[in-house]
Amino acid sequence: VATVEGTPPDDLGARLAAGVSTALGEHVAELLGVEGQEVTLAVQEGKHRMVRRMLANLGLPVVRLLRVRFGDVELADLPPGAYRIVDSSDHDGPTSNPTRSGTTSG
């Protein structure tokens, strides 16, 4: 969820889906919702300030940015700096159960 300066345009979703050029290449995002100056979007990989760069290049400088999900894992009310152990109930994908170095079971 990004809080931006200015008013997001009606065609923001189409512009994000078409791709936004930044200094690090062209990136796409899926617009999930707009509520006032809060823009909720999904990206495949959010690194190197990509979301900030994309929105700034569309004329919407970001004043606050919150990650609310990482893959299938919802961060919910996890406070800044806190962590929790992720287990199989947190995601839908396959899970692995690695063995310790050099050991096997059975």
C-alpha atoms as a PDB file:
ATOM      1  CA  VAL A   1       0.000   0.000   0.000  1.00  0.00           C
ATOM      2  CA  ALA A   2       1.545   3.269  -1.138  1.00  0.00           C
ATOM      3  CA  THR A   3       0.445   6.686   0.039  1.00  0.00           C
ATOM      4  CA  VAL A   4       1.163   9.099  -2.793  1.00  0.00           C
ATOM      5  CA  GLU A   5       1.257  12.843  -3.344  1.00  0.00           C
ATOM      6  CA  GLY A   6      -1.484  13.978  -5.657  1.00  0.00           C
ATOM      7  CA  THR A   7      -4.576  12.244  -6.956  1.00  0.00           C
ATOM      8  CA  PRO A   8      -4.164   8.929  -8.777  1.00  0.00           C
ATOM      9  CA  PRO A   9      -5.583   9.168 -12.323  1.00  0.00           C
ATOM     10  CA  ASP A  10      -8.469   6.985 -13.475  1.00  0.00           C
ATOM     11  CA  ASP A  11      -6.203   5.165 -15.941  1.00  0.00           C
ATOM     12  CA  LEU A  12      -3.555   4.236 -13.339  1.00  0.00           C
ATOM     13  CA  GLY A  13      -4.338   0.514 -13.555  1.00  0.00           C
ATOM     14  CA  ALA A  14      -3.913   0.455 -17.316  1.00  0.00           C
ATOM     15  CA  ARG A  15      -0.680   2.432 -17.137  1.00  0.00           C
ATOM     16  CA  LEU A  16       0.786   0.095 -14.493  1.00  0.00           C
ATOM     17  CA  ALA A  17      -0.286  -3.002 -16.433  1.00  0.00           C
ATOM     18  CA  ALA A  18       1.261  -1.647 -19.644  1.00  0.00           C
ATOM     19  CA  GLY A  19       4.604  -1.167 -17.909  1.00  0.00           C
ATOM     20  CA  VAL A  20       6.422   1.815 -16.474  1.00  0.00           C
ATOM     21  CA  SER A  21       9.957   2.683 -17.549  1.00  0.00           C
ATOM     22  CA  THR A  22      12.448   3.365 -14.771  1.00  0.00           C
ATOM     23  CA  ALA A  23      16.225   3.718 -14.612  1.00  0.00           C
ATOM     24  CA  LEU A  24      16.332  -0.029 -13.881  1.00  0.00           C
ATOM     25  CA  GLY A  25      14.123  -1.114 -16.782  1.00  0.00           C
ATOM     26  CA  GLU A  26      10.421  -1.489 -17.432  1.00  0.00           C
ATOM     27  CA  HIS A  27       8.213  -2.900 -14.678  1.00  0.00           C
ATOM     28  CA  VAL A  28       4.549  -3.856 -14.470  1.00  0.00           C
ATOM     29  CA  ALA A  29       2.170  -3.969 -11.536  1.00  0.00           C
ATOM     30  CA  GLU A  30      -1.423  -4.949 -10.910  1.00  0.00           C
ATOM     31  CA  LEU A  31      -3.579  -2.233  -9.396  1.00  0.00           C
ATOM     32  CA  LEU A  32      -5.663  -3.774  -6.614  1.00  0.00           C
ATOM     33  CA  GLY A  33      -7.380  -0.622  -5.435  1.00  0.00           C
ATOM     34  CA  VAL A  34      -7.314   3.123  -4.904  1.00  0.00           C
ATOM     35  CA  GLU A  35      -8.762   4.855  -1.895  1.00  0.00           C
ATOM     36  CA  GLY A  36      -8.025   8.568  -1.859  1.00  0.00           C
ATOM     37  CA  GLN A  37      -4.240   8.861  -1.977  1.00  0.00           C
ATOM     38  CA  GLU A  38      -3.652   5.216  -1.015  1.00  0.00           C
ATOM     39  CA  VAL A  39      -2.740   2.956  -3.915  1.00  0.00           C
ATOM     40  CA  THR A  40      -2.732  -0.814  -3.386  1.00  0.00           C
ATOM     41  CA  LEU A  41      -0.826  -2.797  -5.957  1.00  0.00           C
ATOM     42  CA  ALA A  42       0.861  -6.138  -6.485  1.00  0.00           C
ATOM     43  CA  VAL A  43       4.266  -6.690  -8.056  1.00  0.00           C
ATOM     44  CA  GLN A  44       6.149  -9.883  -8.847  1.00  0.00           C
ATOM     45  CA  GLU A  45       9.330  -8.632  -7.232  1.00  0.00           C
ATOM     46  CA  GLY A  46       9.542  -5.445  -5.188  1.00  0.00           C
ATOM     47  CA  LYS A  47      13.210  -4.606  -4.833  1.00  0.00           C
ATOM     48  CA  HIS A  48      15.490  -1.647  -5.543  1.00  0.00           C
ATOM     49  CA  ARG A  49      12.702   0.824  -4.676  1.00  0.00           C
ATOM     50  CA  MET A  50      10.807  -0.356  -7.751  1.00  0.00           C
ATOM     51  CA  VAL A  51       7.327   0.627  -6.508  1.00  0.00           C
ATOM     52  CA  ARG A  52       8.552   4.089  -5.525  1.00  0.00           C
ATOM     53  CA  ARG A  53      10.274   4.534  -8.910  1.00  0.00           C
ATOM     54  CA  MET A  54       7.237   3.366 -10.888  1.00  0.00           C
ATOM     55  CA  LEU A  55       4.764   5.618  -9.125  1.00  0.00           C
ATOM     56  CA  ALA A  56       7.125   8.626  -9.175  1.00  0.00           C
ATOM     57  CA  ASN A  57       7.574   8.196 -12.928  1.00  0.00           C
ATOM     58  CA  LEU A  58       3.785   8.328 -13.246  1.00  0.00           C
ATOM     59  CA  GLY A  59       3.727  11.653 -11.378  1.00  0.00           C
ATOM     60  CA  LEU A  60       2.785  10.153  -7.999  1.00  0.00           C
ATOM     61  CA  PRO A  61       5.708  10.469  -5.561  1.00  0.00           C
ATOM     62  CA  VAL A  62       5.376   7.983  -2.680  1.00  0.00           C
ATOM     63  CA  VAL A  63       5.335   9.445   0.833  1.00  0.00           C
ATOM     64  CA  ARG A  64       4.699   6.137   2.653  1.00  0.00           C
ATOM     65  CA  LEU A  65       5.009   2.527   1.572  1.00  0.00           C
ATOM     66  CA  LEU A  66       3.852  -0.565   3.453  1.00  0.00           C
ATOM     67  CA  ARG A  67       4.409  -4.183   2.457  1.00  0.00           C
ATOM     68  CA  VAL A  68       1.286  -6.065   3.508  1.00  0.00           C
ATOM     69  CA  ARG A  69       2.061  -9.436   1.938  1.00  0.00           C
ATOM     70  CA  PHE A  70       5.109 -11.389   0.889  1.00  0.00           C
ATOM     71  CA  GLY A  71       4.064 -14.069  -1.594  1.00  0.00           C
ATOM     72  CA  ASP A  72       1.257 -16.031   0.036  1.00  0.00           C
ATOM     73  CA  VAL A  73       2.172 -14.815   3.524  1.00  0.00           C
ATOM     74  CA  GLU A  74      -0.045 -12.066   4.903  1.00  0.00           C
ATOM     75  CA  LEU A  75       1.900  -9.816   7.269  1.00  0.00           C
ATOM     76  CA  ALA A  76      -1.286  -8.615   9.002  1.00  0.00           C
ATOM     77  CA  ASP A  77      -0.510  -6.796  12.260  1.00  0.00           C
ATOM     78  CA  LEU A  78       3.170  -7.743  12.448  1.00  0.00           C
ATOM     79  CA  PRO A  79       4.921  -4.698  13.979  1.00  0.00           C
ATOM     80  CA  PRO A  80       7.968  -3.136  12.287  1.00  0.00           C
ATOM     81  CA  GLY A  81      11.136  -5.047  13.144  1.00  0.00           C
ATOM     82  CA  ALA A  82       9.229  -8.084  14.402  1.00  0.00           C
ATOM     83  CA  TYR A  83       9.238 -11.531  12.862  1.00  0.00           C
ATOM     84  CA  ARG A  84       7.362 -14.779  13.074  1.00  0.00           C
ATOM     85  CA  ILE A  85       8.057 -18.313  11.987  1.00  0.00           C
ATOM     86  CA  VAL A  86       6.391 -19.208   8.683  1.00  0.00           C
ATOM     87  CA  ASP A  87       4.903 -22.674   8.465  1.00  0.00           C
ATOM     88  CA  SER A  88       2.924 -24.655   5.893  1.00  0.00           C
ATOM     89  CA  SER A  89      -0.374 -23.104   6.985  1.00  0.00           C
ATOM     90  CA  ASP A  90       0.927 -19.716   5.793  1.00  0.00           C
ATOM     91  CA  HIS A  91       1.092 -20.596   2.109  1.00  0.00           C
ATOM     92  CA  ASP A  92      -0.382 -22.819  -0.559  1.00  0.00           C
ATOM     93  CA  GLY A  93       2.826 -23.851  -2.278  1.00  0.00           C
ATOM     94  CA  PRO A  94       4.814 -27.034  -1.773  1.00  0.00           C
ATOM     95  CA  THR A  95       6.810 -27.261   1.403  1.00  0.00           C
ATOM     96  CA  SER A  96      10.131 -28.864   1.956  1.00  0.00           C
ATOM     97  CA  ASN A  97      11.546 -30.450   5.041  1.00  0.00           C
ATOM     98  CA  PRO A  98      15.298 -30.202   4.605  1.00  0.00           C
ATOM     99  CA  THR A  99      17.483 -32.548   6.567  1.00  0.00           C
ATOM    100  CA  ARG A 100      20.503 -31.380   8.487  1.00  0.00           C
ATOM    101  CA  SER A 101      23.774 -31.340   6.662  1.00  0.00           C
ATOM    102  CA  GLY A 102      24.886 -34.882   5.911  1.00  0.00           C
ATOM    103  CA  THR A 103      22.070 -36.660   7.735  1.00  0.00           C
ATOM    104  CA  THR A 104      19.106 -38.581   6.407  1.00  0.00           C
ATOM    105  CA  SER A 105      16.115 -40.090   8.061  1.00  0.00           C
ATOM    106  CA  GLY A 106      15.182 -43.725   8.045  1.00  0.00           C
END
